[in-house]
Amino acid sequence: RLVPGRHRTTLPEIEQFFVEEAPCSEHRRMVF
């Protein structure tokens, strides 16, 4: 889980970290 706090970011950064580099990336791609 993300450490506590609000983490300012961008959609491309989310895509890289939470889709491309994350577990279950194929399913995450559909959600993203």
PDB file of all heavy atoms in Angstrom:
ATOM      1  N   ARG A   1       0.848  -1.199   0.000  1.00  0.00           N
ATOM      2  CA  ARG A   1       0.000   0.000   0.000  1.00  0.00           C
ATOM      3  C   ARG A   1       0.877   1.241   0.000  1.00  0.00           C
ATOM      4  O   ARG A   1       1.989   1.226   0.519  1.00  0.00           O
ATOM      5  CB  ARG A   1      -0.894   0.025   1.243  1.00  0.00           C
ATOM      6  CG  ARG A   1      -1.807  -1.171   1.378  1.00  0.00           C
ATOM      7  CD  ARG A   1      -2.621  -1.095   2.645  1.00  0.00           C
ATOM      8  NE  ARG A   1      -1.758  -1.033   3.823  1.00  0.00           N
ATOM      9  CZ  ARG A   1      -2.002  -1.693   4.958  1.00  0.00           C
ATOM     10  NH1 ARG A   1      -3.067  -2.449   5.077  1.00  0.00           N
ATOM     11  NH2 ARG A   1      -1.176  -1.586   5.980  1.00  0.00           N
ATOM     12  N   LEU A   2       0.346   2.326  -0.546  1.00  0.00           N
ATOM     13  CA  LEU A   2       1.056   3.599  -0.475  1.00  0.00           C
ATOM     14  C   LEU A   2       1.232   4.010   0.979  1.00  0.00           C
ATOM     15  O   LEU A   2       0.311   3.839   1.785  1.00  0.00           O
ATOM     16  CB  LEU A   2       0.262   4.686  -1.198  1.00  0.00           C
ATOM     17  CG  LEU A   2       0.266   4.627  -2.719  1.00  0.00           C
ATOM     18  CD1 LEU A   2      -0.855   5.494  -3.278  1.00  0.00           C
ATOM     19  CD2 LEU A   2       1.610   5.067  -3.265  1.00  0.00           C
ATOM     20  N   VAL A   3       2.400   4.534   1.307  1.00  0.00           N
ATOM     21  CA  VAL A   3       2.597   5.044   2.662  1.00  0.00           C
ATOM     22  C   VAL A   3       1.597   6.174   2.887  1.00  0.00           C
ATOM     23  O   VAL A   3       1.149   6.822   1.932  1.00  0.00           O
ATOM     24  CB  VAL A   3       4.051   5.512   2.901  1.00  0.00           C
ATOM     25  CG1 VAL A   3       5.022   4.345   2.777  1.00  0.00           C
ATOM     26  CG2 VAL A   3       4.433   6.643   1.972  1.00  0.00           C
ATOM     27  N   PRO A   4       1.205   6.425   4.140  1.00  0.00           N
ATOM     28  CA  PRO A   4       0.181   7.429   4.402  1.00  0.00           C
ATOM     29  C   PRO A   4       0.502   8.789   3.790  1.00  0.00           C
ATOM     30  O   PRO A   4       1.657   9.205   3.708  1.00  0.00           O
ATOM     31  CB  PRO A   4       0.151   7.502   5.929  1.00  0.00           C
ATOM     32  CG  PRO A   4       0.556   6.132   6.366  1.00  0.00           C
ATOM     33  CD  PRO A   4       1.621   5.727   5.369  1.00  0.00           C
ATOM     34  N   GLY A   5      -0.563   9.452   3.352  1.00  0.00           N
ATOM     35  CA  GLY A   5      -0.451  10.778   2.778  1.00  0.00           C
ATOM     36  C   GLY A   5      -1.081  10.849   1.405  1.00  0.00           C
ATOM     37  O   GLY A   5      -1.473   9.843   0.824  1.00  0.00           O
ATOM     38  N   ARG A   6      -1.185  12.068   0.902  1.00  0.00           N
ATOM     39  CA  ARG A   6      -1.709  12.308  -0.447  1.00  0.00           C
ATOM     40  C   ARG A   6      -0.501  12.518  -1.349  1.00  0.00           C
ATOM     41  O   ARG A   6       0.307  13.417  -1.108  1.00  0.00           O
ATOM     42  CB  ARG A   6      -2.630  13.527  -0.418  1.00  0.00           C
ATOM     43  CG  ARG A   6      -3.325  13.780  -1.717  1.00  0.00           C
ATOM     44  CD  ARG A   6      -4.448  14.803  -1.613  1.00  0.00           C
ATOM     45  NE  ARG A   6      -4.043  16.046  -0.983  1.00  0.00           N
ATOM     46  CZ  ARG A   6      -4.657  16.597   0.068  1.00  0.00           C
ATOM     47  NH1 ARG A   6      -5.674  16.000   0.637  1.00  0.00           N
ATOM     48  NH2 ARG A   6      -4.223  17.746   0.558  1.00  0.00           N
ATOM     49  N   HIS A   7      -0.379  11.694  -2.370  1.00  0.00           N
ATOM     50  CA  HIS A   7       0.782  11.697  -3.246  1.00  0.00           C
ATOM     51  C   HIS A   7       0.419  12.332  -4.594  1.00  0.00           C
ATOM     52  O   HIS A   7      -0.280  11.719  -5.401  1.00  0.00           O
ATOM     53  CB  HIS A   7       1.288  10.264  -3.449  1.00  0.00           C
ATOM     54  CG  HIS A   7       1.603   9.570  -2.163  1.00  0.00           C
ATOM     55  ND1 HIS A   7       2.854   9.637  -1.589  1.00  0.00           N
ATOM     56  CD2 HIS A   7       0.827   8.832  -1.324  1.00  0.00           C
ATOM     57  CE1 HIS A   7       2.833   8.950  -0.449  1.00  0.00           C
ATOM     58  NE2 HIS A   7       1.634   8.452  -0.272  1.00  0.00           N
ATOM     59  N   ARG A   8       0.906  13.550  -4.809  1.00  0.00           N
ATOM     60  CA  ARG A   8       0.616  14.255  -6.067  1.00  0.00           C
ATOM     61  C   ARG A   8       1.405  13.612  -7.199  1.00  0.00           C
ATOM     62  O   ARG A   8       2.613  13.341  -7.062  1.00  0.00           O
ATOM     63  CB  ARG A   8       0.968  15.725  -5.923  1.00  0.00           C
ATOM     64  CG  ARG A   8       0.436  16.533  -7.075  1.00  0.00           C
ATOM     65  CD  ARG A   8       0.344  17.974  -6.704  1.00  0.00           C
ATOM     66  NE  ARG A   8      -0.002  18.758  -7.876  1.00  0.00           N
ATOM     67  CZ  ARG A   8       0.004  20.061  -7.890  1.00  0.00           C
ATOM     68  NH1 ARG A   8       0.335  20.742  -6.817  1.00  0.00           N
ATOM     69  NH2 ARG A   8      -0.322  20.716  -8.986  1.00  0.00           N
ATOM     70  N   THR A   9       0.714  13.370  -8.309  1.00  0.00           N
ATOM     71  CA  THR A   9       1.309  12.640  -9.412  1.00  0.00           C
ATOM     72  C   THR A   9       0.619  13.005 -10.716  1.00  0.00           C
ATOM     73  O   THR A   9      -0.197  13.923 -10.756  1.00  0.00           O
ATOM     74  CB  THR A   9       1.237  11.114  -9.125  1.00  0.00           C
ATOM     75  OG1 THR A   9       2.001  10.412 -10.096  1.00  0.00           O
ATOM     76  CG2 THR A   9      -0.197  10.607  -9.108  1.00  0.00           C
ATOM     77  N   THR A  10       0.953  12.290 -11.777  1.00  0.00           N
ATOM     78  CA  THR A  10       0.340  12.499 -13.083  1.00  0.00           C
ATOM     79  C   THR A  10      -0.202  11.164 -13.597  1.00  0.00           C
ATOM     80  O   THR A  10       0.200  10.094 -13.121  1.00  0.00           O
ATOM     81  CB  THR A  10       1.360  13.032 -14.101  1.00  0.00           C
ATOM     82  OG1 THR A  10       2.356  12.024 -14.321  1.00  0.00           O
ATOM     83  CG2 THR A  10       2.007  14.331 -13.615  1.00  0.00           C
ATOM     84  N   LEU A  11      -1.072  11.245 -14.585  1.00  0.00           N
ATOM     85  CA  LEU A  11      -1.603  10.008 -15.173  1.00  0.00           C
ATOM     86  C   LEU A  11      -0.497   9.157 -15.812  1.00  0.00           C
ATOM     87  O   LEU A  11      -0.492   7.942 -15.623  1.00  0.00           O
ATOM     88  CB  LEU A  11      -2.711  10.329 -16.168  1.00  0.00           C
ATOM     89  CG  LEU A  11      -3.997  10.861 -15.527  1.00  0.00           C
ATOM     90  CD1 LEU A  11      -4.965  11.359 -16.594  1.00  0.00           C
ATOM     91  CD2 LEU A  11      -4.646   9.815 -14.650  1.00  0.00           C
ATOM     92  N   PRO A  12       0.459   9.747 -16.563  1.00  0.00           N
ATOM     93  CA  PRO A  12       1.537   8.912 -17.106  1.00  0.00           C
ATOM     94  C   PRO A  12       2.364   8.218 -16.011  1.00  0.00           C
ATOM     95  O   PRO A  12       2.788   7.066 -16.178  1.00  0.00           O
ATOM     96  CB  PRO A  12       2.392   9.897 -17.908  1.00  0.00           C
ATOM     97  CG  PRO A  12       1.436  10.985 -18.303  1.00  0.00           C
ATOM     98  CD  PRO A  12       0.504  11.119 -17.114  1.00  0.00           C
ATOM     99  N   GLU A  13       2.581   8.896 -14.885  1.00  0.00           N
ATOM    100  CA  GLU A  13       3.323   8.261 -13.780  1.00  0.00           C
ATOM    101  C   GLU A  13       2.511   7.111 -13.178  1.00  0.00           C
ATOM    102  O   GLU A  13       3.073   6.061 -12.849  1.00  0.00           O
ATOM    103  CB  GLU A  13       3.664   9.293 -12.715  1.00  0.00           C
ATOM    104  CG  GLU A  13       4.711  10.288 -13.165  1.00  0.00           C
ATOM    105  CD  GLU A  13       4.901  11.460 -12.217  1.00  0.00           C
ATOM    106  OE1 GLU A  13       4.039  11.713 -11.345  1.00  0.00           O
ATOM    107  OE2 GLU A  13       5.928  12.141 -12.361  1.00  0.00           O
ATOM    108  N   ILE A  14       1.209   7.303 -13.046  1.00  0.00           N
ATOM    109  CA  ILE A  14       0.356   6.223 -12.539  1.00  0.00           C
ATOM    110  C   ILE A  14       0.404   5.037 -13.495  1.00  0.00           C
ATOM    111  O   ILE A  14       0.531   3.881 -13.078  1.00  0.00           O
ATOM    112  CB  ILE A  14      -1.092   6.714 -12.349  1.00  0.00           C
ATOM    113  CG1 ILE A  14      -1.159   7.709 -11.188  1.00  0.00           C
ATOM    114  CG2 ILE A  14      -2.045   5.542 -12.107  1.00  0.00           C
ATOM    115  CD1 ILE A  14      -2.504   8.408 -11.047  1.00  0.00           C
ATOM    116  N   GLU A  15       0.293   5.318 -14.775  1.00  0.00           N
ATOM    117  CA  GLU A  15       0.322   4.242 -15.772  1.00  0.00           C
ATOM    118  C   GLU A  15       1.635   3.450 -15.684  1.00  0.00           C
ATOM    119  O   GLU A  15       1.627   2.214 -15.705  1.00  0.00           O
ATOM    120  CB  GLU A  15       0.146   4.821 -17.171  1.00  0.00           C
ATOM    121  CG  GLU A  15       0.154   3.759 -18.251  1.00  0.00           C
ATOM    122  CD  GLU A  15      -0.073   4.351 -19.631  1.00  0.00           C
ATOM    123  OE1 GLU A  15       0.171   5.563 -19.830  1.00  0.00           O
ATOM    124  OE2 GLU A  15      -0.490   3.590 -20.509  1.00  0.00           O
ATOM    125  N   GLN A  16       2.742   4.152 -15.569  1.00  0.00           N
ATOM    126  CA  GLN A  16       4.038   3.472 -15.497  1.00  0.00           C
ATOM    127  C   GLN A  16       4.132   2.575 -14.259  1.00  0.00           C
ATOM    128  O   GLN A  16       4.482   1.409 -14.349  1.00  0.00           O
ATOM    129  CB  GLN A  16       5.173   4.504 -15.490  1.00  0.00           C
ATOM    130  CG  GLN A  16       6.562   3.895 -15.452  1.00  0.00           C
ATOM    131  CD  GLN A  16       6.878   3.088 -16.694  1.00  0.00           C
ATOM    132  OE1 GLN A  16       6.538   3.480 -17.804  1.00  0.00           O
ATOM    133  NE2 GLN A  16       7.518   1.935 -16.507  1.00  0.00           N
ATOM    134  N   PHE A  17       3.793   3.135 -13.094  1.00  0.00           N
ATOM    135  CA  PHE A  17       4.012   2.418 -11.836  1.00  0.00           C
ATOM    136  C   PHE A  17       2.914   1.416 -11.520  1.00  0.00           C
ATOM    137  O   PHE A  17       3.197   0.290 -11.097  1.00  0.00           O
ATOM    138  CB  PHE A  17       4.149   3.423 -10.682  1.00  0.00           C
ATOM    139  CG  PHE A  17       4.662   2.805  -9.414  1.00  0.00           C
ATOM    140  CD1 PHE A  17       6.015   2.590  -9.228  1.00  0.00           C
ATOM    141  CD2 PHE A  17       3.789   2.446  -8.398  1.00  0.00           C
ATOM    142  CE1 PHE A  17       6.497   2.012  -8.052  1.00  0.00           C
ATOM    143  CE2 PHE A  17       4.251   1.875  -7.219  1.00  0.00           C
ATOM    144  CZ  PHE A  17       5.614   1.657  -7.044  1.00  0.00           C
ATOM    145  N   PHE A  18       1.642   1.805 -11.735  1.00  0.00           N
ATOM    146  CA  PHE A  18       0.529   0.954 -11.310  1.00  0.00           C
ATOM    147  C   PHE A  18      -0.058   0.106 -12.431  1.00  0.00           C
ATOM    148  O   PHE A  18      -1.012  -0.635 -12.206  1.00  0.00           O
ATOM    149  CB  PHE A  18      -0.562   1.792 -10.639  1.00  0.00           C
ATOM    150  CG  PHE A  18      -0.143   2.301  -9.288  1.00  0.00           C
ATOM    151  CD1 PHE A  18       0.234   3.612  -9.114  1.00  0.00           C
ATOM    152  CD2 PHE A  18      -0.102   1.452  -8.193  1.00  0.00           C
ATOM    153  CE1 PHE A  18       0.638   4.083  -7.870  1.00  0.00           C
ATOM    154  CE2 PHE A  18       0.305   1.906  -6.945  1.00  0.00           C
ATOM    155  CZ  PHE A  18       0.676   3.221  -6.784  1.00  0.00           C
ATOM    156  N   VAL A  19       0.504   0.220 -13.638  1.00  0.00           N
ATOM    157  CA  VAL A  19       0.094  -0.657 -14.738  1.00  0.00           C
ATOM    158  C   VAL A  19       1.312  -1.433 -15.240  1.00  0.00           C
ATOM    159  O   VAL A  19       1.391  -2.646 -15.091  1.00  0.00           O
ATOM    160  CB  VAL A  19      -0.577   0.126 -15.888  1.00  0.00           C
ATOM    161  CG1 VAL A  19      -0.915  -0.805 -17.046  1.00  0.00           C
ATOM    162  CG2 VAL A  19      -1.832   0.832 -15.389  1.00  0.00           C
ATOM    163  N   GLU A  20       2.257  -0.714 -15.827  1.00  0.00           N
ATOM    164  CA  GLU A  20       3.409  -1.364 -16.472  1.00  0.00           C
ATOM    165  C   GLU A  20       4.273  -2.161 -15.502  1.00  0.00           C
ATOM    166  O   GLU A  20       4.708  -3.272 -15.824  1.00  0.00           O
ATOM    167  CB  GLU A  20       4.270  -0.321 -17.188  1.00  0.00           C
ATOM    168  CG  GLU A  20       3.539   0.472 -18.254  1.00  0.00           C
ATOM    169  CD  GLU A  20       2.993  -0.371 -19.389  1.00  0.00           C
ATOM    170  OE1 GLU A  20       3.597  -1.416 -19.706  1.00  0.00           O
ATOM    171  OE2 GLU A  20       1.953   0.012 -19.953  1.00  0.00           O
ATOM    172  N   GLU A  21       4.531  -1.601 -14.323  1.00  0.00           N
ATOM    173  CA  GLU A  21       5.463  -2.236 -13.390  1.00  0.00           C
ATOM    174  C   GLU A  21       4.781  -3.043 -12.289  1.00  0.00           C
ATOM    175  O   GLU A  21       5.463  -3.690 -11.494  1.00  0.00           O
ATOM    176  CB  GLU A  21       6.351  -1.149 -12.760  1.00  0.00           C
ATOM    177  CG  GLU A  21       7.199  -0.410 -13.784  1.00  0.00           C
ATOM    178  CD  GLU A  21       7.956   0.766 -13.199  1.00  0.00           C
ATOM    179  OE1 GLU A  21       7.965   0.945 -11.966  1.00  0.00           O
ATOM    180  OE2 GLU A  21       8.545   1.537 -13.986  1.00  0.00           O
ATOM    181  N   ALA A  22       3.462  -3.030 -12.244  1.00  0.00           N
ATOM    182  CA  ALA A  22       2.724  -3.647 -11.135  1.00  0.00           C
ATOM    183  C   ALA A  22       2.332  -5.093 -11.438  1.00  0.00           C
ATOM    184  O   ALA A  22       2.277  -5.502 -12.601  1.00  0.00           O
ATOM    185  CB  ALA A  22       1.468  -2.831 -10.841  1.00  0.00           C
ATOM    186  N   PRO A  23       2.028  -5.852 -10.390  1.00  0.00           N
ATOM    187  CA  PRO A  23       1.496  -7.205 -10.602  1.00  0.00           C
ATOM    188  C   PRO A  23       0.177  -7.134 -11.381  1.00  0.00           C
ATOM    189  O   PRO A  23      -0.544  -6.136 -11.300  1.00  0.00           O
ATOM    190  CB  PRO A  23       1.239  -7.718  -9.177  1.00  0.00           C
ATOM    191  CG  PRO A  23       2.003  -6.826  -8.272  1.00  0.00           C
ATOM    192  CD  PRO A  23       2.148  -5.509  -8.979  1.00  0.00           C
ATOM    193  N   CYS A  24      -0.111  -8.169 -12.146  1.00  0.00           N
ATOM    194  CA  CYS A  24      -1.370  -8.269 -12.915  1.00  0.00           C
ATOM    195  C   CYS A  24      -1.494  -7.136 -13.926  1.00  0.00           C
ATOM    196  O   CYS A  24      -2.576  -6.575 -14.131  1.00  0.00           O
ATOM    197  CB  CYS A  24      -2.577  -8.293 -11.989  1.00  0.00           C
ATOM    198  SG  CYS A  24      -2.485  -9.486 -10.652  1.00  0.00           S
ATOM    199  N   SER A  25      -0.384  -6.792 -14.578  1.00  0.00           N
ATOM    200  CA  SER A  25      -0.367  -5.611 -15.447  1.00  0.00           C
ATOM    201  C   SER A  25      -1.350  -5.719 -16.613  1.00  0.00           C
ATOM    202  O   SER A  25      -1.906  -4.703 -17.033  1.00  0.00           O
ATOM    203  CB  SER A  25       1.042  -5.329 -15.960  1.00  0.00           C
ATOM    204  OG  SER A  25       1.525  -6.394 -16.730  1.00  0.00           O
ATOM    205  N   GLU A  26      -1.607  -6.913 -17.114  1.00  0.00           N
ATOM    206  CA  GLU A  26      -2.543  -7.044 -18.228  1.00  0.00           C
ATOM    207  C   GLU A  26      -3.952  -6.609 -17.802  1.00  0.00           C
ATOM    208  O   GLU A  26      -4.626  -5.860 -18.504  1.00  0.00           O
ATOM    209  CB  GLU A  26      -2.553  -8.489 -18.732  1.00  0.00           C
ATOM    210  CG  GLU A  26      -3.073  -8.647 -20.127  1.00  0.00           C
ATOM    211  CD  GLU A  26      -2.828 -10.052 -20.639  1.00  0.00           C
ATOM    212  OE1 GLU A  26      -1.652 -10.456 -20.728  1.00  0.00           O
ATOM    213  OE2 GLU A  26      -3.827 -10.728 -20.935  1.00  0.00           O
ATOM    214  N   HIS A  27      -4.395  -7.076 -16.654  1.00  0.00           N
ATOM    215  CA  HIS A  27      -5.706  -6.683 -16.142  1.00  0.00           C
ATOM    216  C   HIS A  27      -5.708  -5.200 -15.775  1.00  0.00           C
ATOM    217  O   HIS A  27      -6.670  -4.481 -16.049  1.00  0.00           O
ATOM    218  CB  HIS A  27      -6.099  -7.527 -14.924  1.00  0.00           C
ATOM    219  CG  HIS A  27      -7.424  -7.138 -14.360  1.00  0.00           C
ATOM    220  ND1 HIS A  27      -8.617  -7.532 -14.923  1.00  0.00           N
ATOM    221  CD2 HIS A  27      -7.748  -6.356 -13.300  1.00  0.00           C
ATOM    222  CE1 HIS A  27      -9.618  -7.006 -14.231  1.00  0.00           C
ATOM    223  NE2 HIS A  27      -9.117  -6.298 -13.239  1.00  0.00           N
ATOM    224  N   ARG A  28      -4.633  -4.737 -15.170  1.00  0.00           N
ATOM    225  CA  ARG A  28      -4.531  -3.330 -14.803  1.00  0.00           C
ATOM    226  C   ARG A  28      -4.616  -2.434 -16.038  1.00  0.00           C
ATOM    227  O   ARG A  28      -5.164  -1.336 -15.974  1.00  0.00           O
ATOM    228  CB  ARG A  28      -3.233  -3.066 -14.052  1.00  0.00           C
ATOM    229  CG  ARG A  28      -3.257  -3.598 -12.625  1.00  0.00           C
ATOM    230  CD  ARG A  28      -1.859  -3.508 -11.985  1.00  0.00           C
ATOM    231  NE  ARG A  28      -1.917  -3.820 -10.584  1.00  0.00           N
ATOM    232  CZ  ARG A  28      -2.198  -2.954  -9.617  1.00  0.00           C
ATOM    233  NH1 ARG A  28      -2.440  -1.688  -9.917  1.00  0.00           N
ATOM    234  NH2 ARG A  28      -2.236  -3.325  -8.369  1.00  0.00           N
ATOM    235  N   ARG A  29      -4.090  -2.892 -17.156  1.00  0.00           N
ATOM    236  CA  ARG A  29      -4.155  -2.119 -18.406  1.00  0.00           C
ATOM    237  C   ARG A  29      -5.623  -1.875 -18.773  1.00  0.00           C
ATOM    238  O   ARG A  29      -6.010  -0.780 -19.165  1.00  0.00           O
ATOM    239  CB  ARG A  29      -3.426  -2.864 -19.519  1.00  0.00           C
ATOM    240  CG  ARG A  29      -3.677  -2.372 -20.922  1.00  0.00           C
ATOM    241  CD  ARG A  29      -3.174  -0.995 -21.259  1.00  0.00           C
ATOM    242  NE  ARG A  29      -1.790  -0.805 -20.899  1.00  0.00           N
ATOM    243  CZ  ARG A  29      -1.263   0.383 -20.579  1.00  0.00           C
ATOM    244  NH1 ARG A  29      -2.009   1.473 -20.608  1.00  0.00           N
ATOM    245  NH2 ARG A  29      -0.010   0.504 -20.245  1.00  0.00           N
ATOM    246  N   MET A  30      -6.465  -2.911 -18.663  1.00  0.00           N
ATOM    247  CA  MET A  30      -7.883  -2.770 -18.992  1.00  0.00           C
ATOM    248  C   MET A  30      -8.549  -1.752 -18.056  1.00  0.00           C
ATOM    249  O   MET A  30      -9.296  -0.876 -18.498  1.00  0.00           O
ATOM    250  CB  MET A  30      -8.592  -4.124 -18.890  1.00  0.00           C
ATOM    251  CG  MET A  30     -10.060  -4.070 -19.224  1.00  0.00           C
ATOM    252  SD  MET A  30     -10.859  -5.690 -19.158  1.00  0.00           S
ATOM    253  CE  MET A  30     -10.624  -6.124 -17.436  1.00  0.00           C
ATOM    254  N   VAL A  31      -8.263  -1.849 -16.759  1.00  0.00           N
ATOM    255  CA  VAL A  31      -8.840  -0.917 -15.787  1.00  0.00           C
ATOM    256  C   VAL A  31      -8.353   0.507 -16.083  1.00  0.00           C
ATOM    257  O   VAL A  31      -9.144   1.452 -16.093  1.00  0.00           O
ATOM    258  CB  VAL A  31      -8.489  -1.343 -14.344  1.00  0.00           C
ATOM    259  CG1 VAL A  31      -8.930  -0.280 -13.339  1.00  0.00           C
ATOM    260  CG2 VAL A  31      -9.107  -2.701 -14.007  1.00  0.00           C
ATOM    261  N   PHE A  32      -7.062   0.651 -16.362  1.00  0.00           N
ATOM    262  CA  PHE A  32      -6.512   1.980 -16.610  1.00  0.00           C
ATOM    263  C   PHE A  32      -7.076   2.590 -17.897  1.00  0.00           C
ATOM    264  O   PHE A  32      -7.320   3.793 -17.956  1.00  0.00           O
ATOM    265  CB  PHE A  32      -4.981   1.936 -16.672  1.00  0.00           C
ATOM    266  CG  PHE A  32      -4.359   3.295 -16.775  1.00  0.00           C
ATOM    267  CD1 PHE A  32      -4.266   4.118 -15.658  1.00  0.00           C
ATOM    268  CD2 PHE A  32      -3.887   3.778 -17.987  1.00  0.00           C
ATOM    269  CE1 PHE A  32      -3.709   5.386 -15.741  1.00  0.00           C
ATOM    270  CE2 PHE A  32      -3.328   5.046 -18.088  1.00  0.00           C
ATOM    271  CZ  PHE A  32      -3.246   5.853 -16.958  1.00  0.00           C
TER     272      PHE A  32
END
